[in-house]
Structures are given as C-alpha cells and as structure tokens.
Protein backbone atom coordinates (compact mmCIF):
# COMPACT_ATOMS: atom_id res chain seq x y z
CA MET A 1 250.08 191.71 84.19
CA LYS A 2 251.69 190.70 80.90
CA ARG A 3 249.72 187.44 80.99
CA VAL A 4 246.42 189.32 81.49
CA VAL A 5 247.21 191.61 78.55
CA ASN A 6 248.08 188.60 76.36
CA LEU A 7 244.85 186.82 77.32
CA PHE A 8 242.84 189.96 76.59
CA LEU A 9 244.55 190.40 73.22
CA PHE A 10 243.92 186.73 72.37
CA ALA A 11 240.21 187.12 73.24
CA VAL A 12 239.85 190.26 71.11
CA ILE A 13 241.61 188.66 68.14
CA SER A 14 239.53 185.46 68.45
CA CYS A 15 236.27 187.44 68.51
CA TYR A 16 237.41 189.48 65.50
CA ALA A 17 238.29 186.33 63.50
CA TYR A 18 234.99 184.66 64.36
CA ALA A 19 232.89 187.75 63.57
CA SER A 20 234.53 188.30 60.18
CA GLY A 21 234.04 184.66 59.09
CA ILE A 22 237.74 183.95 58.62
CA ASN A 23 238.44 181.55 61.49
CA LYS A 24 238.56 178.56 59.08
CA MET A 25 240.64 180.33 56.43
CA TYR A 26 243.98 180.47 58.23
CA VAL A 27 246.09 179.17 61.06
CA GLN A 28 248.58 181.18 63.07
CA ARG A 29 251.68 179.73 64.66
CA ASN A 30 254.02 181.48 67.06
CA ALA A 31 257.64 180.43 67.39
CA GLY A 32 259.33 182.51 70.06
CA ASN A 33 258.88 186.13 69.07
CA GLU A 34 257.90 185.31 65.50
CA CYS A 35 254.45 184.85 63.94
CA VAL A 36 253.72 182.72 60.90
CA PHE A 37 250.31 182.79 59.21
CA PHE A 38 249.19 180.03 56.85
CA ILE A 39 246.25 181.11 54.69
CA PHE A 40 244.57 178.00 53.33
CA SER A 41 244.02 177.05 49.72
CA GLN A 42 241.61 179.01 47.56
CA LYS A 43 240.61 178.69 43.90
CA ILE A 44 240.69 181.41 41.30
CA PRO A 45 238.83 180.75 38.02
CA ALA A 46 240.32 180.99 34.53
CA LEU A 47 239.36 184.11 32.56
CA ASP A 48 239.85 182.64 29.10
CA ASN A 49 238.89 179.48 27.28
CA THR A 50 242.33 178.20 26.39
CA LYS A 51 242.59 174.44 26.01
CA MET A 52 245.89 174.34 27.92
CA HIS A 53 244.59 174.24 31.48
CA THR A 54 241.78 173.36 33.83
CA ARG A 55 239.17 175.85 34.94
CA ASN A 56 240.84 176.87 38.20
CA LEU A 57 244.20 177.65 39.69
CA GLU A 58 244.64 176.91 43.40
CA TYR A 59 246.76 179.10 45.64
CA ASP A 60 247.63 179.62 49.28
CA PHE A 61 249.75 182.10 51.21
CA THR A 62 252.31 181.92 54.01
CA TYR A 63 253.31 185.09 55.86
CA ALA A 64 256.60 184.96 57.80
CA GLN A 65 257.21 187.74 60.30
CA ARG A 66 260.98 187.14 60.39
CA THR A 67 261.35 188.12 56.72
CA ASP A 68 258.17 190.23 56.52
CA SER A 69 257.39 188.42 53.30
CA VAL A 70 254.55 186.43 51.80
CA SER A 71 255.01 183.25 49.84
CA MET A 72 252.24 182.58 47.33
CA LEU A 73 252.10 178.90 46.40
CA LEU A 74 250.17 178.06 43.23
CA THR A 75 248.98 174.76 41.78
CA VAL A 76 247.86 174.50 38.17
CA VAL A 77 247.13 171.47 36.00
CA LEU A 78 247.95 171.78 32.29
CA LYS A 79 247.28 169.45 29.40
CA GLU A 80 250.90 169.39 28.26
CA PRO A 81 254.37 170.15 29.65
CA VAL A 82 255.47 173.79 29.52
CA LYS A 83 258.29 175.93 30.80
CA MET A 84 257.06 178.47 33.35
CA GLN A 85 258.30 181.95 32.43
CA LYS A 86 256.59 184.46 34.69
CA ILE A 87 253.77 185.01 37.17
CA SER A 88 252.17 188.46 37.27
CA ILE A 89 249.52 189.84 39.60
CA VAL A 90 248.01 193.09 38.36
CA ASN A 91 245.31 195.37 39.74
CA ASP A 92 244.77 199.12 39.96
CA ASN A 93 247.14 199.37 42.99
CA LEU A 94 250.18 197.46 41.78
CA SER A 95 251.85 195.01 39.48
CA VAL A 96 253.93 192.17 40.94
CA SER A 97 255.84 190.10 38.43
CA SER A 98 258.55 187.50 38.79
CA ALA A 99 259.88 184.26 37.41
CA PRO A 100 258.28 181.57 39.58
CA GLU A 101 260.21 179.03 41.55
CA THR A 102 259.09 175.55 40.47
CA ILE A 103 258.62 173.39 43.55
CA TYR A 104 257.61 170.30 41.59
CA VAL A 105 256.07 169.03 38.38
CA LYS A 106 254.31 165.67 38.26
CA SER A 107 252.13 163.84 35.82
CA VAL A 108 248.51 163.29 36.73
CA GLY A 109 247.10 160.91 34.17
CA SER A 110 247.70 162.56 30.80
CA LYS A 111 248.14 166.03 32.35
CA MET A 112 250.95 167.85 34.17
CA LYS A 113 250.54 169.30 37.67
CA TYR A 114 252.76 172.27 38.54
CA ARG A 115 253.42 173.62 42.05
CA LEU A 116 255.00 177.09 41.90
CA ARG A 117 256.08 179.78 44.36
CA LEU A 118 255.97 183.56 44.00
CA MET A 119 257.58 185.63 46.76
CA MET A 120 256.38 189.14 47.60
CA SER A 121 256.70 191.69 50.36
CA PHE A 122 253.95 192.14 52.94
CA GLU A 123 253.26 195.58 51.44
CA GLU A 124 252.66 194.05 47.98
CA PHE A 125 250.37 191.44 49.55
CA TYR A 126 248.48 194.21 51.33
CA GLN A 127 248.10 196.21 48.09
CA ILE A 128 246.63 193.22 46.24
CA TYR A 129 243.70 193.10 48.65
CA ASN A 130 243.43 196.82 49.36
CA SER A 131 241.84 197.44 45.98
CA PRO A 132 238.13 197.73 45.23
CA ASN A 133 238.76 195.91 41.95
CA PRO A 134 239.83 192.27 41.54
CA TYR A 135 243.33 191.41 40.45
CA THR A 136 244.28 189.41 37.39
CA LEU A 137 246.82 186.63 37.80
CA MET A 138 248.74 185.89 34.60
CA LEU A 139 250.88 182.83 34.13
CA SER A 140 253.26 183.06 31.17
CA THR A 141 254.36 179.71 29.77
CA GLU A 142 256.45 178.53 26.86
CA ASN A 143 255.86 175.38 24.84
CA GLN A 144 257.78 174.58 21.66
CA GLY A 145 258.81 178.21 21.23
CA LYS A 146 255.27 179.58 21.67
CA ILE A 147 254.50 181.91 24.60
CA LEU A 148 251.04 181.51 26.10
CA GLU A 149 249.46 183.78 28.74
CA LEU A 150 247.01 182.00 31.04
CA MET A 151 244.78 184.44 32.89
CA PHE A 152 242.86 183.93 36.13
CA GLY A 153 240.65 186.28 38.13
CA TYR A 154 237.55 186.78 40.26
CA ASP A 155 234.28 188.32 39.19
CA SER A 156 233.24 191.44 41.13
CA LYS A 157 230.82 189.64 43.47
CA LYS A 158 233.31 186.94 44.49
CA TRP A 159 236.04 189.60 44.83
CA VAL A 160 234.03 191.63 47.35
CA ASP A 161 233.65 188.59 49.62
CA ASN A 162 237.21 187.30 49.17
CA SER A 163 238.96 190.65 49.58
CA LYS A 164 236.92 191.46 52.71
CA LYS A 165 238.03 188.21 54.36
CA MET A 166 241.64 188.60 53.24
CA ARG A 167 241.76 192.19 54.58
CA ALA A 168 240.51 190.85 57.92
CA ILE A 169 243.39 188.32 57.95
CA ILE A 170 245.82 191.11 57.02
CA GLU A 171 244.54 193.11 60.01
CA LEU A 172 245.17 190.10 62.26
CA ILE A 173 248.72 189.86 60.91
CA LYS A 174 249.21 193.55 61.72
CA LEU A 175 247.78 193.14 65.22
CA ASN A 176 249.99 190.16 65.95
CA THR A 177 253.18 191.61 64.57
CA GLY A 178 252.88 195.26 65.57
CA LYS A 179 252.78 196.42 61.93
CA LYS A 180 251.10 199.70 61.10
C-alpha cells in the first residue's frame, strides 16, 4: 500500500512540475528520509551602470531538508579585486542581510570572478518569492577604503514569470517534506 501511495504521489508531483514549466529548473535528490533540491543557475540583471561589474549576476539555490535551510550561491565578475562586505536581499516582505562566505576568487583575464554563499532559512526563501514585487539584491564591496553598492533586480515582467516558477518549486519542496 505504501508503494502505491508513493507512486501516486510521484505521478502527481511529476504532472505538477511539467504543467508549471519548472521540470528543467531543478533536480530533487532523496537520501534516506531527507530531500535536497538543487535549483539551477539563473541570471539577475544589474540595476545600475557602475563600471565595476558585468551586466548580470548568476545565482542558484540548494534546499536541504535536514537543516531546513537554503544556500544561495552567487557568481559575479568584477573589473578589479574587492573585499565582499555584505549581501542583502530586500523586497516588501523582508530584508535578508549577511556577510557572504567567499567560496573562491579567481582571475578571468583582467577581471576577478567571485563565488559567494548566502545562507537563509526556508521561511526567508519563501518570503522572497511570495511577494508581488521583485526583490533587489545588493552586494556591498570595499576597494581601497571606498564602499560600493552593486544592485541587481528583475523588471516587473520578468519577475512575474520567475516568481511563479519559483513558487511552484517551493510548493514541490513543501509537498516532499511535509512542510505547511
């Protein structure tokens, strides 16, 4: 009976993922009684015209059921070396802010590529995408004593599409983990 219920649940979840257009946006792995969701890389455009960075910042998410947390991994290419101070995500529902963990820095030609991690709770992750308005991602950097805020965000049209798909993935996480 348990096997029949699991097969039925798998079929319902598969149909939901296919119908919402998210089946190529994530992968789910089960390890024992734990679920891990990997949400693939996306790009968020720069909101300002600073000469410090490229036009986009790339990010991806990993949800771990064991810790009920979400790891946001960010990649940004800058024209010169900086010290990362803070990452902030702000919308009308919340403000998440923390010093990022630097995973690596490497040179790419004459530029510097940074891979950073921001940890957040599942609830904070949920609140980011449960807003009708797009969030702004701010990356605070320091270079030679000067603080520079790099800002990234979606326009309203792109936000509607992206947040709809991300909310569908969040619903799948809830279904698979028994969250309410």
